N, C-alpha and C. Protein backbone atom coordinates (compact mmCIF):
# COMPACT_ATOMS: atom_id res chain seq x y z
N MET A 1 0.85 -1.15 -0.04
CA MET A 1 -0.03 -0.21 0.00
C MET A 1 0.91 1.33 0.01
N ILE A 2 0.22 2.40 -0.60
CA ILE A 2 1.15 3.39 -1.00
C ILE A 2 0.54 4.49 -0.09
N ARG A 3 0.79 4.91 0.95
CA ARG A 3 0.22 6.14 1.41
C ARG A 3 -0.21 7.11 0.59
N GLY A 4 -1.40 7.74 0.41
CA GLY A 4 -1.83 8.96 0.11
C GLY A 4 -2.39 8.37 -1.35
N CYS A 5 -2.20 7.11 -1.67
CA CYS A 5 -2.74 6.48 -3.42
C CYS A 5 -3.97 5.73 -3.13
N ASP A 6 -5.14 5.93 -3.48
CA ASP A 6 -5.96 5.34 -3.62
C ASP A 6 -6.43 5.16 -5.30
N LYS A 7 -5.74 5.21 -6.08
CA LYS A 7 -6.20 5.04 -7.46
C LYS A 7 -4.67 5.21 -8.53
N THR A 8 -4.56 4.08 -9.38
CA THR A 8 -3.44 4.36 -10.39
C THR A 8 -3.78 5.02 -11.45
N PRO A 9 -2.60 5.63 -12.11
CA PRO A 9 -1.27 5.73 -11.56
C PRO A 9 -0.93 6.58 -10.12
N CYS A 10 -0.27 5.94 -9.13
CA CYS A 10 -0.07 6.82 -7.75
C CYS A 10 0.80 7.95 -8.14
N LYS A 11 0.36 9.27 -7.95
CA LYS A 11 1.17 10.44 -7.76
C LYS A 11 2.16 10.66 -7.00
N VAL A 12 3.54 10.74 -7.20
CA VAL A 12 4.31 11.22 -6.30
C VAL A 12 4.77 12.14 -6.55
N LYS A 13 5.15 13.36 -5.73
CA LYS A 13 5.54 14.51 -6.13
C LYS A 13 7.01 14.61 -5.61
N LYS A 14 7.92 14.96 -6.66
CA LYS A 14 9.41 15.56 -6.54
C LYS A 14 9.82 16.03 -5.23
N GLY A 15 10.62 15.62 -4.40
CA GLY A 15 11.13 16.56 -3.24
C GLY A 15 10.31 15.89 -1.83
N SER A 16 9.67 14.84 -2.16
CA SER A 16 8.64 14.42 -1.38
C SER A 16 9.43 12.86 -0.76
N ASP A 17 8.47 12.43 0.56
CA ASP A 17 8.81 10.80 0.68
C ASP A 17 7.65 9.92 -0.01
N LEU A 18 8.09 8.76 -0.48
CA LEU A 18 6.86 8.25 -0.77
C LEU A 18 6.99 7.04 0.52
N SER A 19 6.00 6.93 0.73
CA SER A 19 5.56 5.86 2.09
C SER A 19 4.91 4.76 1.73
N VAL A 20 5.26 3.50 1.88
CA VAL A 20 5.02 2.22 1.57
C VAL A 20 4.97 1.19 2.87
N GLU A 21 3.70 0.90 2.87
CA GLU A 21 3.34 -0.23 3.86
C GLU A 21 3.24 -1.80 3.06
N ILE A 22 4.05 -2.97 3.55
CA ILE A 22 4.08 -3.89 2.71
C ILE A 22 3.48 -5.30 3.58
N ASN A 23 2.13 -5.70 3.44
CA ASN A 23 1.82 -6.91 4.18
C ASN A 23 1.91 -8.17 3.56
N PHE A 24 2.56 -9.11 3.96
CA PHE A 24 2.69 -10.44 3.44
C PHE A 24 3.07 -11.23 4.36
N THR A 25 2.96 -12.64 3.93
CA THR A 25 3.22 -13.74 4.51
C THR A 25 4.35 -14.60 4.16
N THR A 26 5.43 -14.85 4.82
CA THR A 26 6.84 -15.69 4.57
C THR A 26 6.11 -16.81 3.87
N SER A 27 7.00 -17.58 3.07
CA SER A 27 7.03 -18.69 2.41
C SER A 27 8.00 -19.62 3.21
N ASP A 28 9.13 -19.00 3.40
CA ASP A 28 10.47 -19.76 4.12
C ASP A 28 11.08 -19.01 4.82
N LEU A 29 11.77 -19.80 5.73
CA LEU A 29 12.59 -19.04 7.04
C LEU A 29 13.46 -18.14 6.22
N THR A 30 13.95 -16.98 6.92
CA THR A 30 14.65 -16.03 6.02
C THR A 30 15.38 -15.26 7.12
N SER A 31 16.87 -15.24 7.27
CA SER A 31 17.45 -14.52 8.05
C SER A 31 18.05 -12.91 7.82
N ILE A 32 17.29 -12.52 6.60
CA ILE A 32 17.74 -11.33 6.23
C ILE A 32 16.32 -10.78 5.06
N LEU A 33 16.45 -9.68 5.08
CA LEU A 33 15.46 -8.77 4.09
C LEU A 33 16.00 -7.71 3.75
N GLU A 34 16.33 -7.40 2.20
CA GLU A 34 16.89 -6.47 1.84
C GLU A 34 15.86 -5.78 0.90
N PRO A 35 15.82 -4.61 0.94
CA PRO A 35 14.54 -3.94 0.17
C PRO A 35 15.36 -3.35 -1.36
N ARG A 36 14.59 -3.86 -2.38
CA ARG A 36 14.90 -3.19 -3.90
C ARG A 36 13.93 -2.59 -4.46
N VAL A 37 13.92 -1.46 -4.83
CA VAL A 37 12.85 -0.80 -5.65
C VAL A 37 13.64 -0.04 -6.74
N SER A 38 12.45 -0.25 -8.02
CA SER A 38 13.08 0.51 -9.28
C SER A 38 11.79 0.87 -9.74
N GLY A 39 12.34 1.53 -11.06
CA GLY A 39 10.98 2.25 -11.61
C GLY A 39 11.57 1.84 -12.93
N LYS A 40 10.33 1.78 -13.75
CA LYS A 40 10.54 1.22 -15.29
C LYS A 40 10.78 2.51 -16.28
N VAL A 41 12.05 2.71 -17.10
CA VAL A 41 12.12 4.22 -17.94
C VAL A 41 12.31 3.39 -19.04
N LEU A 42 11.31 3.65 -20.11
CA LEU A 42 11.92 3.42 -21.53
C LEU A 42 12.28 1.96 -21.51
N GLY A 43 11.18 0.95 -20.77
CA GLY A 43 11.60 -0.47 -20.88
C GLY A 43 12.91 -0.80 -20.15
N MET A 44 13.59 -0.13 -19.36
CA MET A 44 14.50 -0.48 -18.65
C MET A 44 14.25 -0.33 -16.76
N LYS A 45 14.73 -1.23 -15.90
CA LYS A 45 14.59 -1.26 -14.69
C LYS A 45 15.71 -0.20 -14.37
N ILE A 46 15.33 0.98 -13.53
CA ILE A 46 16.36 1.67 -13.02
C ILE A 46 16.10 1.91 -11.67
N PRO A 47 17.27 1.34 -10.58
CA PRO A 47 16.92 1.41 -9.11
C PRO A 47 16.48 3.01 -8.56
N LEU A 48 15.79 2.72 -7.56
CA LEU A 48 15.45 4.11 -7.04
C LEU A 48 16.28 3.94 -5.54
N SER A 49 16.55 5.13 -5.25
CA SER A 49 17.41 5.35 -3.99
C SER A 49 16.59 4.97 -2.63
N ILE A 50 17.27 4.12 -1.91
CA ILE A 50 16.79 3.64 -0.67
C ILE A 50 17.64 4.44 0.43
N PRO A 51 17.08 5.07 1.37
CA PRO A 51 18.02 5.63 2.56
C PRO A 51 19.01 4.54 3.37
N LYS A 52 20.14 4.74 3.73
CA LYS A 52 20.93 4.17 4.19
C LYS A 52 20.22 3.50 5.33
N ASP A 53 19.50 4.17 6.24
CA ASP A 53 19.00 3.62 7.34
C ASP A 53 17.81 2.55 6.98
N HIS A 54 17.35 2.73 5.95
CA HIS A 54 16.32 1.50 5.28
C HIS A 54 16.63 0.23 4.77
N GLN A 55 18.22 0.44 4.58
CA GLN A 55 18.40 -0.58 3.66
C GLN A 55 18.40 -2.07 4.09
N ASN A 56 18.43 -2.34 5.59
CA ASN A 56 17.90 -3.30 6.38
C ASN A 56 16.59 -3.46 6.57
N ALA A 57 15.66 -4.03 5.84
CA ALA A 57 14.45 -3.97 6.04
C ALA A 57 13.92 -4.99 7.40
N CYS A 58 14.85 -5.75 7.80
CA CYS A 58 14.43 -6.30 9.31
C CYS A 58 14.37 -5.14 10.36
N GLU A 59 14.93 -4.27 10.05
CA GLU A 59 14.79 -3.16 11.18
C GLU A 59 13.76 -2.00 11.12
N HIS A 60 12.68 -2.57 10.12
CA HIS A 60 11.34 -1.71 9.89
C HIS A 60 10.44 -2.54 9.80
N LEU A 61 10.22 -3.80 10.84
CA LEU A 61 9.13 -4.33 10.57
C LEU A 61 8.50 -4.01 11.65
N LYS A 62 7.04 -4.20 11.71
CA LYS A 62 6.35 -4.11 12.82
C LYS A 62 6.00 -5.04 13.69
N ASN A 63 6.65 -5.01 15.01
CA ASN A 63 6.14 -6.36 15.93
C ASN A 63 7.13 -7.77 15.62
N LEU A 64 7.80 -7.52 14.77
CA LEU A 64 8.78 -8.89 14.43
C LEU A 64 10.40 -8.27 14.11
N LYS A 65 11.00 -9.20 14.13
CA LYS A 65 12.48 -8.74 14.01
C LYS A 65 12.97 -10.31 13.20
N CYS A 66 14.15 -9.96 12.44
CA CYS A 66 14.68 -11.09 11.65
C CYS A 66 15.19 -12.22 12.46
N PRO A 67 15.69 -13.60 12.28
CA PRO A 67 15.14 -14.27 11.27
C PRO A 67 13.60 -14.29 11.52
N LEU A 68 12.75 -14.58 10.46
CA LEU A 68 11.45 -14.92 10.26
C LEU A 68 11.31 -16.34 9.78
N ASP A 69 10.21 -16.89 10.44
CA ASP A 69 10.11 -18.23 10.17
C ASP A 69 9.04 -18.21 9.23
N ALA A 70 8.55 -19.46 8.28
CA ALA A 70 7.95 -19.57 7.41
C ALA A 70 6.45 -19.75 7.73
N ASN A 71 5.59 -19.28 7.05
CA ASN A 71 4.03 -18.98 7.48
C ASN A 71 3.79 -17.77 8.42
N VAL A 72 4.65 -16.47 8.49
CA VAL A 72 4.56 -15.65 9.37
C VAL A 72 3.88 -14.31 8.83
N ASP A 73 2.84 -13.64 9.38
CA ASP A 73 2.40 -12.65 8.88
C ASP A 73 3.10 -11.32 9.39
N VAL A 74 3.65 -10.46 8.26
CA VAL A 74 4.82 -9.49 8.18
C VAL A 74 4.11 -8.24 7.77
N THR A 75 4.48 -7.26 8.65
CA THR A 75 4.47 -5.87 8.11
C THR A 75 5.57 -4.91 7.97
N TYR A 76 5.66 -4.58 6.61
CA TYR A 76 7.15 -3.84 6.71
C TYR A 76 6.68 -2.19 6.24
N PHE A 77 7.49 -1.26 6.65
CA PHE A 77 7.03 0.13 6.44
C PHE A 77 8.37 0.77 5.92
N VAL A 78 8.34 1.27 4.90
CA VAL A 78 9.70 2.44 4.53
C VAL A 78 9.03 3.77 3.96
N GLU A 79 9.85 4.55 3.92
CA GLU A 79 9.75 6.03 3.43
C GLU A 79 11.19 6.31 2.78
N MET A 80 10.82 6.49 1.53
CA MET A 80 12.06 6.79 0.68
C MET A 80 11.72 8.03 -0.12
N PRO A 81 12.89 8.95 -0.42
CA PRO A 81 12.81 10.18 -0.77
C PRO A 81 12.73 10.03 -2.24
N ILE A 82 11.55 10.96 -3.09
CA ILE A 82 11.56 11.34 -4.58
C ILE A 82 12.44 12.46 -4.84
N LEU A 83 13.71 12.07 -5.31
CA LEU A 83 14.52 13.38 -5.50
C LEU A 83 14.02 14.16 -6.63
N LYS A 84 14.48 15.61 -6.35
CA LYS A 84 14.00 16.38 -6.88
C LYS A 84 14.43 16.28 -8.50
N SER A 85 15.46 15.70 -8.72
CA SER A 85 16.20 15.24 -9.85
C SER A 85 15.76 14.34 -11.04
N TYR A 86 14.59 13.60 -10.15
CA TYR A 86 13.91 12.68 -11.15
C TYR A 86 13.27 13.27 -12.17
N PRO A 87 12.91 12.70 -13.31
CA PRO A 87 12.44 13.41 -14.28
C PRO A 87 10.67 13.13 -13.92
N SER A 88 9.90 14.07 -14.60
CA SER A 88 8.56 14.19 -14.01
C SER A 88 8.01 13.02 -15.26
N MET A 89 7.41 11.81 -14.88
CA MET A 89 7.00 10.96 -15.88
C MET A 89 6.42 9.80 -15.26
N LYS A 90 5.39 9.18 -16.30
CA LYS A 90 4.99 7.78 -15.55
C LYS A 90 5.93 6.49 -15.49
N THR A 91 5.77 5.86 -14.73
CA THR A 91 6.67 4.51 -14.43
C THR A 91 6.08 3.60 -13.64
N GLU A 92 6.46 2.25 -14.09
CA GLU A 92 5.97 1.13 -13.26
C GLU A 92 6.79 0.91 -11.93
N ILE A 93 6.43 0.98 -10.90
CA ILE A 93 7.32 1.09 -9.64
C ILE A 93 7.50 -0.29 -9.09
N GLU A 94 8.56 -1.02 -9.09
CA GLU A 94 8.51 -2.29 -8.46
C GLU A 94 9.10 -2.14 -7.23
N PHE A 95 8.42 -3.10 -6.11
CA PHE A 95 9.31 -2.93 -4.58
C PHE A 95 9.09 -4.46 -4.46
N ASN A 96 10.65 -4.82 -3.89
CA ASN A 96 10.86 -6.28 -4.02
C ASN A 96 11.93 -6.25 -2.62
N LEU A 97 11.28 -7.20 -1.85
CA LEU A 97 12.01 -7.50 -0.61
C LEU A 97 12.81 -9.17 -0.66
N VAL A 98 14.39 -9.03 -0.78
CA VAL A 98 14.96 -10.25 -0.97
C VAL A 98 15.56 -10.72 0.12
N GLY A 99 15.40 -12.28 0.55
CA GLY A 99 15.88 -12.93 1.70
C GLY A 99 17.00 -13.76 1.39
N ASP A 100 17.30 -14.78 2.17
CA ASP A 100 18.23 -15.46 2.07
C ASP A 100 18.52 -16.13 0.67
N ASN A 101 19.91 -16.21 -0.02
CA ASN A 101 19.88 -16.69 -1.19
C ASN A 101 19.72 -15.89 -2.12
N GLN A 102 19.34 -14.53 -2.00
CA GLN A 102 18.77 -13.82 -3.12
C GLN A 102 17.28 -14.19 -3.60
N LYS A 103 16.42 -14.83 -2.88
CA LYS A 103 15.26 -15.41 -3.11
C LYS A 103 14.40 -14.14 -2.67
N SER A 104 13.37 -13.78 -3.76
CA SER A 104 12.40 -12.98 -3.67
C SER A 104 11.38 -13.15 -2.22
N VAL A 105 11.09 -12.57 -1.44
CA VAL A 105 10.14 -12.83 -0.31
C VAL A 105 8.63 -12.57 -0.47
N VAL A 106 8.94 -11.04 -1.03
CA VAL A 106 7.44 -10.62 -1.54
C VAL A 106 7.90 -9.55 -2.69
N CYS A 107 7.10 -9.57 -3.69
CA CYS A 107 7.24 -8.40 -5.03
C CYS A 107 6.00 -7.95 -5.40
N PHE A 108 5.78 -6.76 -5.43
CA PHE A 108 4.85 -6.05 -6.00
C PHE A 108 5.19 -4.57 -6.96
N LYS A 109 4.24 -4.54 -8.10
CA LYS A 109 4.14 -3.59 -9.37
C LYS A 109 3.15 -2.55 -9.19
N ILE A 110 3.44 -1.38 -9.19
CA ILE A 110 2.26 -0.57 -9.26
C ILE A 110 2.59 0.38 -10.59
N ASP A 111 1.55 1.28 -10.95
CA ASP A 111 1.86 2.20 -11.68
C ASP A 111 1.99 3.35 -11.22
N GLY A 112 3.02 4.38 -11.52
CA GLY A 112 3.36 5.20 -10.46
C GLY A 112 3.56 6.79 -11.80
N GLN A 113 3.63 7.85 -11.17
CA GLN A 113 3.42 9.03 -11.76
C GLN A 113 4.29 9.92 -10.83
N ILE A 114 5.78 10.50 -11.61
CA ILE A 114 6.55 11.25 -10.67
C ILE A 114 6.00 12.79 -11.26
N ILE A 115 5.48 13.69 -10.38
CA ILE A 115 4.97 14.88 -10.70
C ILE A 115 5.89 16.03 -9.91
N SER A 116 5.70 16.98 -10.17
CA SER A 116 6.43 18.36 -10.10
C SER A 116 5.22 18.96 -8.67
N TRP A 117 5.66 19.79 -7.89
CA TRP A 117 4.91 20.33 -6.73
C TRP A 117 3.54 21.11 -7.47
N LYS A 118 3.92 21.36 -8.56
CA LYS A 118 2.90 22.58 -9.10
C LYS A 118 1.89 21.78 -9.82
N VAL A 119 1.84 20.50 -10.41
CA VAL A 119 0.62 19.30 -10.77
C VAL A 119 -0.34 19.10 -9.89
């Protein structure tokens, strides 16, 4: 869920923070969770900046800590900056949490649009 977005494309203003809450159930045991976020530009995946203090997703789980057992309900929350240098454009945003052995634990895509404050 993207905070402030009730329909797609989710409009995100440059110079603001994108707040994302992901609810999921683990399928396997994992001792780590690494967030990976990208936008699709001209058909290519471009990584988006994740603040250093959010690069370990285990530190941003609600009511849980890693390692995570299989079949556990998890809520992850992150706020990441939308830099003013990003171009104004529509993009497909992909959120992925990667666990042990670089295995995707949860992944989702959503249509987004980076806009300036004036729009």
